């Protein structure tokens, strides 16, 4: 890493853009601290992946992980939707928050479709463009070429390109830089540990900034896709956006430090710490889910003849922890009156909490569960 050259600042008339060095090359990992963190990160990822095999109904909990990832990744871009708001139907979202809600829903859809697409597509520029198209469809930025690389200059920070914090490379070099990124991912003649490789790929993607909008969200989403595509994780259960959001200043500073000081090692250390902390947090969340399931069984038992229907509702709430009387009636086959009575009983034992404060169209949250994803 000591001989790494991140790239060159090039004068473009009234502003200066950054032209990154291609990454499809030999890399020498000569920093012992990076190697130590890499060992820890590999170990924690292995624990997380192994642990997930023992969690029943894992797919239900993955959906909540994706919701959390969507809200946190979008929050970095300024969107203010909370997890419980992301679970609402669009008509239940206040009109002033619907643009933010739409962006979070698009992220959820983009992640789910991208994971499914891995069955037919490798990690590639085509997959990246398809994911971007879904992400930007029908939301702010929908007129900025969804699914297509930019054909004009963009910039980060500042009102104009002349006072920007960072100006990515000129658009005419995007195709070559993204081809180089894809070649690096699949180059088996260059040995780079997988976590180091995706850390470098994420840095390069954010530096190239190939789209007019949505680069940050796509770049963070690619981390999980890469880990699944490479078989490091069997299922998409690691998401770094929460770590990046909590350390937002360090996240941006470390990316800029690579460009300005050629300090790739510091970026790798930050990234690997994120993997370690996030993997540990994922294990803690799965532990808490298993404990919650035990607690729920104890809380349901005193409900007597309503207990079995309460269990049906809880199983559905693990997938989407927000409900109303109509959904409860549909899940259980009860009349609306009986559904309301069941909801009252579940509120009494602390399994549901009404969140609207309204007399009609009331919504109930499985708060004990959603709290596990907001710690």
Protein backbone atom coordinates (compact mmCIF):
# COMPACT_ATOMS: atom_id res chain seq x y z
CA UNK A 1 0.00 0.00 0.00
CA UNK A 2 2.90 2.38 0.59
CA UNK A 3 3.45 2.83 -3.16
CA UNK A 4 -0.24 3.42 -3.89
CA UNK A 5 -1.06 6.47 -6.02
CA UNK A 6 -4.75 7.35 -5.84
CA UNK A 7 -4.82 9.53 -8.93
CA UNK A 8 -4.35 13.04 -10.28
CA UNK A 9 -6.17 16.34 -10.04
CA UNK A 10 -6.78 17.70 -13.54
CA UNK A 11 -7.67 21.28 -14.41
CA UNK A 12 -10.95 21.48 -16.34
CA UNK A 13 -11.25 25.17 -17.18
CA UNK A 14 -12.86 26.81 -14.14
CA UNK A 15 -12.64 23.75 -11.88
CA UNK A 16 -10.41 20.79 -11.06
CA UNK A 17 -11.57 17.16 -11.29
CA UNK A 18 -9.96 14.05 -9.83
CA UNK A 19 -8.86 11.27 -12.17
CA UNK A 20 -8.43 8.06 -10.16
CA UNK A 21 -5.81 5.45 -10.91
CA UNK A 22 -7.23 2.14 -12.23
CA UNK A 23 -7.48 -0.52 -9.52
CA UNK A 24 -7.13 -3.71 -11.58
CA UNK A 25 -3.51 -4.28 -10.63
CA UNK A 26 -1.29 -6.12 -8.18
CA UNK A 27 -1.69 -5.04 -4.55
CA UNK A 28 0.74 -5.61 -1.70
CA UNK A 29 -0.77 -5.68 1.78
CA UNK A 30 2.18 -4.50 3.89
CA UNK A 31 0.40 -2.92 6.87
CA UNK A 32 0.31 -5.24 9.89
CA UNK A 33 -2.59 -3.37 11.51
CA UNK A 34 -4.69 -3.87 8.37
CA UNK A 35 -3.78 -7.57 8.37
CA UNK A 36 -4.78 -7.92 12.03
CA UNK A 37 -8.12 -6.18 11.45
CA UNK A 38 -8.68 -8.33 8.35
CA UNK A 39 -8.22 -11.47 10.46
CA UNK A 40 -10.74 -10.21 13.02
CA UNK A 41 -13.22 -9.20 10.33
CA UNK A 42 -13.01 -12.60 8.63
CA UNK A 43 -13.55 -14.32 11.98
CA UNK A 44 -16.58 -12.20 12.90
CA UNK A 45 -18.14 -12.62 9.44
CA UNK A 46 -17.72 -16.38 9.75
CA UNK A 47 -19.41 -16.32 13.16
CA UNK A 48 -22.29 -14.24 11.80
CA UNK A 49 -22.79 -16.51 8.80
CA UNK A 50 -22.65 -19.66 10.96
CA UNK A 51 -24.96 -18.14 13.56
CA UNK A 52 -27.56 -17.30 10.95
CA UNK A 53 -27.91 -20.99 10.10
CA UNK A 54 -29.42 -21.62 13.53
CA UNK A 55 -32.01 -18.85 13.38
CA UNK A 56 -35.43 -20.22 12.39
CA UNK A 57 -37.35 -18.33 9.69
CA UNK A 58 -34.25 -16.32 8.81
CA UNK A 59 -35.91 -14.80 5.73
CA UNK A 60 -38.39 -12.97 7.96
CA UNK A 61 -35.61 -11.26 9.87
CA UNK A 62 -33.61 -10.46 6.73
CA UNK A 63 -36.53 -8.32 5.59
CA UNK A 64 -36.19 -6.18 8.72
CA UNK A 65 -32.42 -5.94 8.21
CA UNK A 66 -33.10 -4.61 4.70
CA UNK A 67 -35.61 -2.07 6.04
CA UNK A 68 -33.02 -0.85 8.56
CA UNK A 69 -30.34 -0.68 5.86
CA UNK A 70 -32.66 1.29 3.58
CA UNK A 71 -33.50 3.87 6.23
CA UNK A 72 -29.88 4.28 7.36
CA UNK A 73 -28.38 4.44 3.86
CA UNK A 74 -31.00 6.99 2.80
CA UNK A 75 -30.44 8.95 6.03
CA UNK A 76 -26.81 9.54 4.99
CA UNK A 77 -28.22 11.30 1.93
CA UNK A 78 -30.54 13.43 4.06
CA UNK A 79 -33.71 11.34 4.01
CA UNK A 80 -35.41 11.29 7.43
CA UNK A 81 -37.68 8.22 7.34
CA UNK A 82 -37.60 6.10 10.52
CA UNK A 83 -37.99 2.32 10.53
CA UNK A 84 -41.55 2.40 11.81
CA UNK A 85 -42.47 4.95 9.12
CA UNK A 86 -40.90 2.78 6.42
CA UNK A 87 -43.32 0.01 7.43
CA UNK A 88 -46.39 2.16 6.77
CA UNK A 89 -48.51 1.93 3.65
CA UNK A 90 -48.00 4.97 1.43
CA UNK A 91 -51.48 6.34 2.14
CA UNK A 92 -50.68 6.36 5.87
CA UNK A 93 -47.55 8.49 5.40
CA UNK A 94 -47.98 12.29 5.87
CA UNK A 95 -47.79 14.00 2.49
CA UNK A 96 -44.70 16.01 3.46
CA UNK A 97 -42.80 12.77 4.16
CA UNK A 98 -43.83 10.75 1.12
CA UNK A 99 -40.82 11.69 -1.03
CA UNK A 100 -38.50 10.37 1.68
CA UNK A 101 -40.68 7.27 2.14
CA UNK A 102 -40.61 6.58 -1.62
CA UNK A 103 -36.80 6.68 -1.66
CA UNK A 104 -36.57 4.20 1.21
CA UNK A 105 -39.05 1.84 -0.50
CA UNK A 106 -37.02 2.03 -3.70
CA UNK A 107 -33.89 1.10 -1.79
CA UNK A 108 -35.64 -1.93 -0.30
CA UNK A 109 -36.85 -2.97 -3.75
CA UNK A 110 -33.42 -2.35 -5.31
CA UNK A 111 -31.68 -4.50 -2.69
CA UNK A 112 -34.18 -7.35 -2.98
CA UNK A 113 -34.11 -7.36 -6.79
CA UNK A 114 -30.31 -7.17 -6.89
CA UNK A 115 -29.95 -10.17 -4.55
CA UNK A 116 -32.40 -12.12 -6.72
CA UNK A 117 -30.51 -11.04 -9.87
CA UNK A 118 -27.32 -12.67 -8.57
CA UNK A 119 -28.85 -15.98 -9.70
CA UNK A 120 -28.57 -14.82 -13.34
CA UNK A 121 -25.96 -12.06 -13.27
CA UNK A 122 -22.47 -11.80 -11.82
CA UNK A 123 -21.33 -8.76 -9.85
CA UNK A 124 -20.97 -6.46 -12.84
CA UNK A 125 -21.58 -3.02 -14.32
CA UNK A 126 -24.80 -4.41 -15.78
CA UNK A 127 -26.02 -5.41 -12.31
CA UNK A 128 -24.96 -2.01 -10.96
CA UNK A 129 -26.93 -0.18 -13.66
CA UNK A 130 -30.03 -2.34 -13.16
CA UNK A 131 -29.89 -1.70 -9.42
CA UNK A 132 -29.55 2.04 -9.98
CA UNK A 133 -32.55 2.05 -12.32
CA UNK A 134 -34.77 0.49 -9.64
CA UNK A 135 -33.39 2.81 -6.97
CA UNK A 136 -34.18 6.00 -8.90
CA UNK A 137 -37.49 5.05 -10.50
CA UNK A 138 -40.26 7.53 -9.70
CA UNK A 139 -38.36 9.47 -7.00
CA UNK A 140 -36.26 12.61 -6.74
CA UNK A 141 -33.54 12.20 -9.33
CA UNK A 142 -35.73 10.15 -11.69
CA UNK A 143 -34.83 12.57 -14.49
CA UNK A 144 -31.10 12.02 -13.95
CA UNK A 145 -30.65 9.02 -16.23
CA UNK A 146 -31.68 6.08 -14.00
CA UNK A 147 -29.70 2.99 -14.93
CA UNK A 148 -27.27 4.90 -17.17
CA UNK A 149 -23.82 6.27 -16.46
CA UNK A 150 -23.58 10.03 -16.52
CA UNK A 151 -22.71 12.00 -19.63
CA UNK A 152 -21.94 15.25 -17.82
CA UNK A 153 -19.92 16.46 -14.85
CA UNK A 154 -21.21 15.99 -11.30
CA UNK A 155 -19.74 17.08 -7.99
CA UNK A 156 -20.03 16.56 -4.21
CA UNK A 157 -20.76 19.46 -1.86
CA UNK A 158 -20.97 23.11 -2.81
CA UNK A 159 -23.58 25.02 -4.76
CA UNK A 160 -21.58 24.86 -7.99
CA UNK A 161 -18.79 22.74 -9.40
CA UNK A 162 -16.32 25.59 -8.74
CA UNK A 163 -16.81 25.49 -4.96
CA UNK A 164 -17.37 21.72 -4.66
CA UNK A 165 -15.72 19.65 -1.95
CA UNK A 166 -14.88 16.96 -4.49
CA UNK A 167 -15.25 16.73 -8.27
CA UNK A 168 -15.21 13.18 -9.70
CA UNK A 169 -13.56 12.33 -13.04
CA UNK A 170 -14.88 13.65 -16.35
CA UNK A 171 -17.73 11.64 -17.83
CA UNK A 172 -15.71 10.50 -20.86
CA UNK A 173 -13.60 8.27 -18.59
CA UNK A 174 -16.53 6.59 -16.77
CA UNK A 175 -16.84 3.60 -19.11
CA UNK A 176 -13.14 2.72 -18.86
CA UNK A 177 -13.01 3.19 -15.08
CA UNK A 178 -16.09 1.04 -14.47
CA UNK A 179 -14.78 -1.65 -16.84
CA UNK A 180 -11.55 -1.60 -14.84
CA UNK A 181 -13.52 -1.94 -11.59
CA UNK A 182 -15.43 -4.95 -12.96
CA UNK A 183 -12.22 -6.55 -14.24
CA UNK A 184 -10.64 -6.14 -10.79
CA UNK A 185 -13.58 -7.88 -9.13
CA UNK A 186 -13.20 -10.93 -11.38
CA UNK A 187 -9.42 -10.97 -11.82
CA UNK A 188 -8.29 -14.31 -10.39
CA UNK A 189 -4.65 -13.68 -11.32
CA UNK A 190 -4.39 -10.96 -8.68
CA UNK A 191 -4.74 -12.25 -5.12
CA UNK A 192 -6.52 -9.74 -2.91
CA UNK A 193 -8.47 -10.89 0.17
CA UNK A 194 -12.19 -10.50 -0.51
CA UNK A 195 -12.87 -7.93 2.23
CA UNK A 196 -9.92 -5.83 1.05
CA UNK A 197 -11.16 -6.12 -2.52
CA UNK A 198 -14.69 -4.88 -1.76
CA UNK A 199 -13.28 -2.07 0.40
CA UNK A 200 -11.17 -0.92 -2.57
CA UNK A 201 -14.14 -1.36 -4.94
CA UNK A 202 -16.37 0.73 -2.69
CA UNK A 203 -13.76 3.48 -2.49
CA UNK A 204 -13.27 3.47 -6.27
CA UNK A 205 -16.99 3.46 -7.00
CA UNK A 206 -17.56 6.46 -4.71
CA UNK A 207 -14.60 8.23 -6.32
CA UNK A 208 -15.75 7.57 -9.89
CA UNK A 209 -19.33 8.57 -8.94
CA UNK A 210 -20.64 7.14 -12.23
CA UNK A 211 -24.26 8.29 -11.89
CA UNK A 212 -25.73 11.77 -11.69
CA UNK A 213 -27.57 10.85 -8.48
CA UNK A 214 -27.87 7.91 -6.08
CA UNK A 215 -24.17 6.98 -6.05
CA UNK A 216 -23.87 6.75 -2.27
CA UNK A 217 -26.83 4.42 -1.88
CA UNK A 218 -25.73 2.16 -4.74
CA UNK A 219 -22.14 2.10 -3.46
CA UNK A 220 -23.22 0.96 0.00
CA UNK A 221 -25.63 -1.59 -1.42
CA UNK A 222 -22.83 -3.13 -3.50
CA UNK A 223 -20.95 -4.19 -0.36
CA UNK A 224 -23.66 -6.64 0.67
CA UNK A 225 -24.16 -7.86 -2.90
CA UNK A 226 -20.46 -8.61 -3.25
CA UNK A 227 -20.32 -10.61 0.01
CA UNK A 228 -23.29 -12.72 -1.10
CA UNK A 229 -22.06 -13.17 -4.68
CA UNK A 230 -18.67 -14.35 -3.42
CA UNK A 231 -20.24 -16.81 -0.98
CA UNK A 232 -18.72 -15.08 2.05
CA UNK A 233 -22.27 -14.79 3.34
CA UNK A 234 -24.97 -17.29 2.40
CA UNK A 235 -27.67 -14.66 2.87
CA UNK A 236 -27.62 -10.83 2.86
CA UNK A 237 -27.27 -10.28 6.60
CA UNK A 238 -24.49 -7.66 6.84
CA UNK A 239 -25.18 -3.99 6.11
CA UNK A 240 -22.64 -1.24 6.80
CA UNK A 241 -24.82 1.85 6.35
CA UNK A 242 -25.62 2.05 10.06
CA UNK A 243 -21.89 2.13 10.86
CA UNK A 244 -21.26 4.70 8.12
CA UNK A 245 -24.17 6.84 9.36
CA UNK A 246 -22.93 6.80 12.96
CA UNK A 247 -19.44 7.69 11.75
CA UNK A 248 -20.46 9.86 8.83
CA UNK A 249 -17.70 12.46 9.18
CA UNK A 250 -15.00 9.79 9.45
CA UNK A 251 -16.53 7.97 6.48
CA UNK A 252 -16.20 10.96 4.16
CA UNK A 253 -12.88 12.07 5.65
CA UNK A 254 -11.31 8.65 5.11
CA UNK A 255 -12.48 8.53 1.49
CA UNK A 256 -10.98 11.98 0.89
CA UNK A 257 -7.79 10.98 2.70
CA UNK A 258 -7.17 8.32 0.07
CA UNK A 259 -7.55 10.83 -2.76
CA UNK A 260 -5.47 13.58 -1.16
CA UNK A 261 -2.78 11.57 0.68
CA UNK A 262 -2.78 8.20 -1.15
CA UNK A 263 -3.65 6.68 2.24
CA UNK A 264 -5.55 3.55 1.24
CA UNK A 265 -4.47 1.77 4.44
CA UNK A 266 -6.43 4.17 6.66
CA UNK A 267 -9.57 3.63 4.57
CA UNK A 268 -9.13 -0.15 4.82
CA UNK A 269 -8.78 0.08 8.62
CA UNK A 270 -11.98 2.12 8.88
CA UNK A 271 -13.85 -0.27 6.58
CA UNK A 272 -12.68 -3.41 8.43
CA UNK A 273 -13.60 -1.92 11.81
CA UNK A 274 -17.06 -1.34 10.32
CA UNK A 275 -17.28 -4.98 9.26
CA UNK A 276 -16.16 -6.19 12.71
CA UNK A 277 -18.59 -3.96 14.63
CA UNK A 278 -21.49 -4.65 12.28
CA UNK A 279 -20.97 -8.42 12.33
CA UNK A 280 -20.88 -8.39 16.14
CA UNK A 281 -24.01 -6.27 16.20
CA UNK A 282 -25.73 -8.71 13.81
CA UNK A 283 -24.92 -11.61 16.13
CA UNK A 284 -26.28 -9.64 19.10
CA UNK A 285 -29.46 -8.93 17.13
CA UNK A 286 -29.97 -12.61 16.30
CA UNK A 287 -29.37 -13.45 19.98
CA UNK A 288 -31.98 -10.90 20.96
CA UNK A 289 -34.45 -12.28 18.41
CA UNK A 290 -34.11 -15.78 19.85
CA UNK A 291 -34.59 -14.38 23.36
CA UNK A 292 -37.61 -12.39 22.18
CA UNK A 293 -39.17 -15.53 20.76
CA UNK A 294 -38.88 -17.17 24.18
CA UNK A 295 -40.38 -14.10 25.87
CA UNK A 296 -43.24 -13.99 23.36
CA UNK A 297 -44.12 -17.62 24.10
CA UNK A 298 -44.38 -16.76 27.80
CA UNK A 299 -46.50 -13.65 27.13
CA UNK A 300 -48.87 -15.50 24.78
CA UNK A 301 -49.51 -18.44 27.09
CA UNK A 302 -51.85 -16.58 29.54
CA UNK A 303 -54.12 -15.56 26.63
CA UNK A 304 -55.80 -18.96 26.85
CA UNK A 305 -58.02 -19.74 23.89
CA UNK A 306 -56.71 -16.64 22.08
CA UNK A 307 -53.10 -17.86 22.32
CA UNK A 308 -53.04 -19.76 19.02
CA UNK A 309 -54.38 -16.81 17.04
CA UNK A 310 -51.94 -14.52 18.82
CA UNK A 311 -49.10 -16.79 17.66
CA UNK A 312 -50.36 -16.52 14.06
CA UNK A 313 -50.33 -12.75 14.32
CA UNK A 314 -46.83 -12.71 15.83
CA UNK A 315 -45.47 -14.90 13.02
CA UNK A 316 -46.79 -12.36 10.51
CA UNK A 317 -45.39 -9.48 12.56
CA UNK A 318 -41.87 -10.88 12.33
CA UNK A 319 -42.14 -10.21 8.59
CA UNK A 320 -43.87 -6.83 8.88
CA UNK A 321 -44.15 -5.64 12.50
CA UNK A 322 -46.99 -3.20 11.87
CA UNK A 323 -50.62 -4.21 11.65
CA UNK A 324 -54.23 -3.15 11.89
CA UNK A 325 -57.47 -4.93 12.73
CA UNK A 326 -58.18 -5.89 9.11
CA UNK A 327 -54.83 -7.62 8.76
CA UNK A 328 -55.31 -9.43 12.08
CA UNK A 329 -58.74 -10.61 10.92
CA UNK A 330 -57.26 -11.81 7.61
CA UNK A 331 -54.39 -13.67 9.32
CA UNK A 332 -56.62 -15.41 11.88
CA UNK A 333 -59.93 -15.74 10.06
CA UNK A 334 -61.65 -13.93 12.94
CA UNK A 335 -64.48 -11.43 12.65
CA UNK A 336 -63.53 -7.77 13.01
CA UNK A 337 -64.98 -7.69 16.52
CA UNK A 338 -62.97 -10.74 17.55
CA UNK A 339 -59.87 -9.27 15.88
CA UNK A 340 -60.18 -6.10 17.95
CA UNK A 341 -60.60 -8.20 21.09
CA UNK A 342 -57.45 -10.14 20.22
CA UNK A 343 -55.56 -6.89 19.63
CA UNK A 344 -56.72 -5.59 23.03
CA UNK A 345 -55.49 -8.77 24.69
CA UNK A 346 -52.12 -8.52 22.93
CA UNK A 347 -51.83 -4.88 23.97
CA UNK A 348 -52.53 -5.83 27.59
CA UNK A 349 -49.58 -8.25 27.69
CA UNK A 350 -47.23 -5.84 25.89
CA UNK A 351 -47.08 -7.51 22.48
CA UNK A 352 -48.66 -4.64 20.53
CA UNK A 353 -48.64 -0.89 20.93
CA UNK A 354 -51.04 1.49 19.21
CA UNK A 355 -49.01 4.24 17.50
CA UNK A 356 -51.52 6.61 15.87
CA UNK A 357 -53.51 7.83 18.86
CA UNK A 358 -56.53 7.94 16.56
CA UNK A 359 -60.06 6.67 17.13
CA UNK A 360 -60.26 5.08 13.67
CA UNK A 361 -57.78 3.44 11.30
CA UNK A 362 -55.56 2.56 14.22
CA UNK A 363 -52.15 0.96 13.66
CA UNK A 364 -50.33 -1.35 16.04
CA UNK A 365 -46.58 -1.87 16.27
CA UNK A 366 -44.68 -4.94 17.51
CA UNK A 367 -42.32 -2.55 19.27
CA UNK A 368 -40.36 -5.17 21.20
CA UNK A 369 -39.23 -6.47 17.82
CA UNK A 370 -38.54 -3.19 15.99
CA UNK A 371 -36.51 -1.97 18.98
CA UNK A 372 -33.97 -4.70 18.22
CA UNK A 373 -33.16 -2.96 14.93
CA UNK A 374 -32.93 0.59 16.29
CA UNK A 375 -30.31 0.10 19.02
